[in-house]
Protein backbone atom coordinates (compact mmCIF):
# COMPACT_ATOMS: atom_id res chain seq x y z
CA MET A 1 70.29 131.38 108.01
CA ASN A 2 73.46 132.37 106.20
CA LEU A 3 74.32 129.72 103.58
CA LYS A 4 77.95 129.81 104.77
CA GLU A 5 76.82 128.62 108.20
CA THR A 6 75.17 125.53 106.71
CA LEU A 7 78.22 124.34 104.78
CA PRO A 8 80.30 121.47 106.21
CA ARG A 9 83.33 122.62 108.18
CA ILE A 10 86.54 120.92 107.07
CA ALA A 11 89.81 121.18 109.00
CA ILE A 12 92.79 121.42 106.65
CA SER A 13 96.04 120.01 108.00
CA ILE A 14 98.56 122.19 106.16
CA GLY A 15 101.27 119.60 105.50
CA ASP A 16 104.95 120.40 104.99
CA LEU A 17 105.33 124.14 104.38
CA ASN A 18 108.46 123.59 102.31
CA GLY A 19 106.35 121.72 99.75
CA ILE A 20 103.41 122.43 97.45
CA GLY A 21 100.60 122.05 100.01
CA ILE A 22 100.23 125.69 100.97
CA GLU A 23 100.28 126.77 97.33
CA ILE A 24 97.49 124.32 96.52
CA ALA A 25 95.50 125.53 99.54
CA LEU A 26 95.79 129.19 98.56
CA ASN A 27 95.05 128.60 94.89
CA SER A 28 92.06 126.36 95.64
CA HIS A 29 90.46 128.37 98.43
CA GLU A 30 87.96 130.26 96.31
CA GLU A 31 86.72 127.04 94.71
CA ILE A 32 86.39 124.95 97.85
CA SER A 33 84.90 127.75 99.97
CA LYS A 34 81.80 127.54 97.76
CA ILE A 35 81.12 124.01 98.98
CA CYS A 36 82.55 123.99 102.52
CA THR A 37 84.00 126.17 105.25
CA PRO A 38 87.71 125.31 105.36
CA ILE A 39 89.57 125.83 108.65
CA TYR A 40 93.33 125.88 108.02
CA CYS A 41 95.53 124.64 110.87
CA LEU A 42 98.18 127.29 110.34
CA ASN A 43 99.14 130.59 111.95
CA LYS A 44 99.23 134.07 110.46
CA THR A 45 102.99 134.47 110.66
CA LEU A 46 103.72 131.39 108.57
CA LEU A 47 100.80 132.09 106.23
CA ASN A 48 102.12 135.59 105.52
CA GLN A 49 105.61 134.23 104.94
CA ALA A 50 104.36 131.59 102.49
CA SER A 51 102.18 134.05 100.59
CA LYS A 52 105.13 136.41 100.11
CA LEU A 53 107.37 133.61 98.86
CA LEU A 54 104.62 132.57 96.44
CA ASN A 55 103.71 136.15 95.55
CA THR A 56 100.10 135.17 96.17
CA LYS A 57 97.44 137.20 97.96
CA ILE A 58 95.73 135.70 101.00
CA PRO A 59 91.95 135.44 100.49
CA LYS A 60 89.93 137.59 102.89
CA ASN A 61 87.93 134.67 104.29
CA PHE A 62 90.96 132.39 104.84
CA GLU A 63 89.97 131.14 108.31
CA LEU A 64 92.78 129.91 110.56
CA PHE A 65 93.10 127.69 113.59
CA GLU A 66 96.37 128.98 115.01
CA THR A 67 98.76 126.04 115.10
CA LEU A 68 101.75 127.34 117.05
CA GLY A 69 105.18 127.61 115.42
CA ASP A 70 107.62 130.14 113.98
CA PHE A 71 110.52 129.42 111.63
CA ASP A 72 111.84 130.30 108.21
CA ILE A 73 110.24 128.45 105.31
CA ASN A 74 112.98 126.97 103.12
CA PRO A 75 111.32 125.81 99.89
CA SER A 76 112.08 122.27 98.77
CA GLN A 77 114.18 121.42 101.84
CA VAL A 78 113.88 118.47 104.20
CA CYS A 79 113.62 120.13 107.61
CA LYS A 80 112.78 118.95 111.11
CA LYS A 81 110.97 122.22 111.92
CA THR A 82 108.55 121.92 109.02
CA GLY A 83 108.20 118.22 109.77
CA LEU A 84 107.21 118.94 113.36
CA TYR A 85 104.88 121.74 112.28
CA SER A 86 103.05 119.51 109.79
CA TYR A 87 102.61 116.94 112.56
CA ASN A 88 101.28 119.53 115.02
CA SER A 89 98.94 120.92 112.36
CA PHE A 90 97.54 117.41 111.92
CA LEU A 91 97.13 116.93 115.68
CA ASP A 92 95.19 120.21 115.87
CA ALA A 93 92.94 119.06 113.03
CA ILE A 94 92.27 115.80 114.88
CA VAL A 95 91.30 117.70 118.04
CA LEU A 96 88.89 119.85 116.03
CA ALA A 97 87.27 116.70 114.62
CA LYS A 98 87.16 114.86 117.96
CA THR A 99 85.47 117.84 119.64
CA LYS A 100 82.96 118.18 116.76
CA LYS A 101 84.16 121.67 115.84
CA VAL A 102 84.59 120.42 112.28
CA ASP A 103 82.82 117.72 110.30
CA ALA A 104 85.93 116.18 108.73
CA ILE A 105 89.68 116.50 108.14
CA CYS A 106 91.51 116.87 104.84
CA THR A 107 95.30 116.57 104.95
CA LEU A 108 97.87 118.13 102.66
CA PRO A 109 101.14 116.22 102.04
CA ILE A 110 103.82 115.66 104.64
CA ASN A 111 107.45 114.71 104.09
CA LYS A 112 108.30 111.46 105.87
CA GLU A 113 112.01 112.28 106.06
CA SER A 114 111.19 115.58 107.75
CA TRP A 115 109.03 113.71 110.28
CA SER A 116 111.95 111.40 110.94
CA LYS A 117 114.30 114.33 111.47
CA ALA A 118 111.80 115.77 113.94
CA LYS A 119 111.95 112.47 115.90
CA ILE A 120 108.31 111.66 115.10
CA SER A 121 107.96 107.90 115.43
CA TYR A 122 105.09 107.55 112.94
CA LYS A 123 105.66 107.10 109.22
CA GLY A 124 102.41 108.71 108.13
CA HIS A 125 98.97 110.10 108.94
CA THR A 126 97.19 106.74 109.12
CA GLU A 127 99.53 105.42 111.81
CA VAL A 128 98.84 108.50 113.94
CA LEU A 129 95.08 108.01 113.60
CA ARG A 130 95.39 104.31 114.39
CA ASP A 131 97.29 105.07 117.60
CA ILE A 132 95.12 107.96 118.79
CA PHE A 133 91.80 106.20 118.25
CA LYS A 134 93.03 102.67 119.05
CA LYS A 135 91.29 101.42 115.92
CA ASP A 136 92.53 99.38 112.97
CA ALA A 137 92.39 102.26 110.50
CA ILE A 138 92.47 101.20 106.85
CA MET A 139 94.35 103.15 104.20
CA MET A 140 92.35 103.24 100.97
CA LEU A 141 93.40 105.21 97.92
CA GLY A 142 91.78 105.79 94.57
CA CYS A 143 88.82 107.36 92.80
CA PRO A 144 85.37 106.07 91.78
CA LYS A 145 86.94 104.19 88.87
CA MET A 146 89.22 102.16 91.15
CA TYR A 147 89.96 101.97 94.87
CA VAL A 148 92.86 100.11 96.48
CA ALA A 149 93.13 99.25 100.18
CA LEU A 150 96.55 98.39 101.59
CA PHE A 151 96.90 95.46 103.98
CA THR A 152 100.47 96.52 104.80
CA GLU A 153 101.44 100.15 104.30
CA HIS A 154 104.73 101.94 104.92
CA THR A 155 106.85 98.93 105.70
CA ALA A 156 109.97 97.51 104.13
CA LEU A 157 109.21 94.94 101.45
CA LYS A 158 111.34 92.32 103.21
CA ASN A 159 108.94 92.45 106.19
CA VAL A 160 105.72 91.95 104.22
CA PRO A 161 105.65 88.12 103.92
CA LYS A 162 105.87 87.55 107.66
CA MET A 163 103.04 90.06 108.23
CA ILE A 164 100.59 88.06 106.12
CA LYS A 165 98.72 86.06 108.75
CA SER A 166 95.27 84.67 108.05
CA LYS A 167 93.67 85.96 111.27
CA ALA A 168 94.88 89.54 110.76
CA LEU A 169 93.94 89.53 107.07
CA LYS A 170 90.48 88.11 107.82
CA SER A 171 89.82 90.96 110.28
CA PHE A 172 91.09 93.48 107.73
CA LEU A 173 88.78 92.10 105.04
CA ILE A 174 85.74 92.16 107.31
CA ASP A 175 86.47 95.75 108.39
CA PHE A 176 87.01 96.82 104.79
CA TYR A 177 83.69 95.34 103.72
CA SER A 178 81.92 96.97 106.67
CA CYS A 179 83.25 100.37 105.59
CA THR A 180 82.57 100.06 101.86
CA LYS A 181 79.58 97.67 101.63
CA THR A 182 80.71 96.77 98.14
CA LYS A 183 79.74 93.30 96.93
CA ARG A 184 82.81 92.48 94.80
CA ILE A 185 86.32 92.94 96.17
CA ALA A 186 89.45 91.66 94.45
CA VAL A 187 92.17 90.35 96.74
CA LEU A 188 95.69 90.21 95.33
CA ALA A 189 98.12 87.36 95.86
CA LEU A 190 101.55 88.22 97.18
CA ASN A 191 103.77 86.19 94.89
CA PRO A 192 104.14 86.02 91.11
CA HIS A 193 101.58 83.68 89.54
CA ALA A 194 99.80 83.62 92.93
CA GLY A 195 102.59 81.37 94.19
CA ASP A 196 102.17 78.71 91.46
CA GLY A 197 100.81 76.20 93.95
CA GLY A 198 103.54 76.93 96.46
CA VAL A 199 106.45 76.75 94.02
CA LEU A 200 107.01 80.54 94.19
CA GLY A 201 105.87 81.11 97.76
CA LYS A 202 103.60 79.81 100.51
CA GLU A 203 101.85 83.05 101.59
CA GLU A 204 98.83 82.41 99.37
CA LYS A 205 97.79 79.61 101.72
CA ALA A 206 97.20 82.17 104.50
CA ILE A 207 95.52 84.58 102.09
CA LYS A 208 93.11 81.88 100.85
CA LYS A 209 92.29 80.87 104.43
CA ALA A 210 91.49 84.50 105.37
CA ILE A 211 89.28 84.94 102.28
CA LYS A 212 87.38 81.71 102.96
CA LYS A 213 86.69 82.66 106.58
CA ALA A 214 85.68 86.25 105.71
CA ASN A 215 83.27 85.09 103.01
CA LYS A 216 81.78 82.51 105.37
CA LEU A 217 81.23 85.12 108.09
CA LEU A 218 79.56 87.45 105.61
CA GLY A 219 77.48 84.69 104.10
CA GLU A 220 78.45 85.73 100.59
CA ASP A 221 81.41 85.41 98.25
CA ILE A 222 82.44 89.05 98.59
CA PHE A 223 86.18 88.49 98.23
CA SER A 224 87.85 86.87 95.24
CA ASN A 225 90.39 84.09 95.47
CA PRO A 226 93.92 85.57 95.38
CA LEU A 227 94.36 87.17 91.97
CA VAL A 228 97.61 87.03 90.03
CA PRO A 229 98.97 90.56 90.62
CA ASP A 230 100.35 91.19 87.12
CA THR A 231 96.93 90.75 85.46
CA ALA A 232 94.63 91.91 88.25
CA PHE A 233 94.46 95.46 86.90
CA SER A 234 93.83 94.57 83.26
CA PRO A 235 90.87 96.35 81.60
CA ASN A 236 88.72 93.21 81.66
CA THR A 237 89.30 92.66 85.39
CA ARG A 238 88.64 96.31 86.18
CA GLU A 239 85.30 96.05 84.42
CA TYR A 240 84.27 93.55 87.09
CA TYR A 241 86.11 94.90 90.16
CA ASN A 242 86.76 98.46 91.23
CA TYR A 243 87.73 97.69 94.83
CA TYR A 244 91.03 95.90 95.46
CA VAL A 245 92.99 94.74 98.50
CA ALA A 246 96.76 94.82 97.94
CA MET A 247 99.22 93.00 100.15
CA TYR A 248 101.77 95.82 100.09
CA HIS A 249 102.14 99.48 99.17
CA ASP A 250 103.55 99.49 95.64
CA GLN A 251 101.60 96.41 94.55
CA GLY A 252 98.41 98.46 94.72
CA LEU A 253 99.59 102.01 94.26
CA ALA A 254 101.83 101.58 91.21
CA PRO A 255 98.91 100.59 88.95
CA LEU A 256 96.54 103.05 90.62
CA LYS A 257 98.85 106.02 90.08
CA ALA A 258 99.72 104.93 86.56
CA LEU A 259 96.02 105.01 85.71
CA TYR A 260 94.52 107.76 87.88
CA PHE A 261 97.35 109.73 89.50
CA GLU A 262 95.95 113.27 89.43
CA GLU A 263 92.40 112.45 90.47
CA SER A 264 93.06 109.86 93.19
CA ILE A 265 92.70 110.58 96.89
CA ASN A 266 93.47 108.89 100.20
CA VAL A 267 90.68 107.97 102.64
CA SER A 268 91.12 106.62 106.17
CA LEU A 269 88.45 104.02 106.90
CA ASN A 270 87.27 102.32 110.09
CA LEU A 271 87.63 105.42 112.30
CA PRO A 272 85.21 107.52 114.37
CA ILE A 273 86.22 110.65 112.41
CA ILE A 274 86.38 111.38 108.68
CA ARG A 275 89.78 111.96 107.14
CA THR A 276 90.64 112.34 103.47
CA SER A 277 93.88 113.43 101.84
CA VAL A 278 95.60 114.19 98.59
CA ASP A 279 97.26 111.20 96.96
CA HIS A 280 100.61 112.84 96.24
CA GLY A 281 103.69 114.04 98.04
CA THR A 282 105.27 117.39 98.79
CA ALA A 283 106.76 117.72 95.26
CA PHE A 284 109.85 119.58 96.46
CA ASP A 285 111.06 119.74 92.86
CA ILE A 286 108.34 122.25 91.94
CA ALA A 287 107.56 123.91 95.29
CA TYR A 288 107.50 127.74 95.24
CA LYS A 289 108.56 127.79 91.57
CA ASN A 290 105.29 129.05 90.07
CA LYS A 291 104.72 125.68 88.39
CA LYS A 292 101.00 125.72 89.31
CA PRO A 293 100.72 122.20 90.79
CA SER A 294 97.50 120.34 90.01
CA ASN A 295 94.81 120.68 92.65
CA LYS A 296 92.59 117.90 91.25
CA SER A 297 93.42 115.42 94.02
CA TYR A 298 92.88 118.09 96.68
CA ILE A 299 89.51 119.15 95.28
CA ASN A 300 88.42 115.50 95.07
CA ALA A 301 89.59 114.89 98.65
CA ILE A 302 87.56 117.88 99.88
CA LYS A 303 84.49 116.69 97.98
CA GLU A 304 84.82 113.19 99.42
CA ALA A 305 85.17 114.62 102.96
CA ILE A 306 81.97 116.58 102.38
CA ARG A 307 80.17 113.55 100.94
CA LEU A 308 81.14 111.34 103.88
CA SER A 309 80.23 114.00 106.45
CA THR A 310 76.75 114.49 105.00
CA LYS A 311 75.82 110.80 104.51
């Protein structure tokens, strides 16, 4: 049997073509094609256009799944056409995974403003997956040194407190444990000083209740009591925990990206398909400018997709 035929097949959702995704895909193809068979959800017309703008040759074995669409690529621009195309590329990748034509999906970065301009109601990939599969998908980001799961994701900060309900958080914690099987998980408080006994906020009461019920159901003290957020990522704490649950987006991702920005990835848990992603945006400031964007997150995301698909 040809070795190429035995490699995992990974669908690559191409992301926003006005950003750095296509450049990373082209520059990384030789490396990743040694460990998987990538299937790029992109058509020849747009691929040729991007390669000319980048002055980069298209590899001979650059296999495409022809996502329909034809428009002018405008580097570094927010655009409803590229927003819609990145969405359709992702939908095609999902179909390939659902029909078992690929073993996993890896997504390149989208631009949320472009999705909004294209009248796409979702704010990101995870919301799409959650709706399509009718499952409570969990967004986890990180690397083996530290992973962070987000209880609330792309939501305005003012809405977070009212979303912290003990029943919903308990279910989230149980699902997260079921996906990771890790025995020590740090749960962050919402308020400064973990609320200071209610002086700085009452949300910790719901968080503590969810933790207590989750630990009781699991029969073990898997989840910590709510940790004070400003010290939860100190070196001493990270020696004990490398899985965290954050109450909101920046609470978990600011420290993660400060520590491990280039190597971190995004993984969607609690789904019937495997999806990984880069942990960075479209970087319009350097797109198509021969700045050679780092591909470390992309390579790690591909490797994790392979690892999960061959477990």
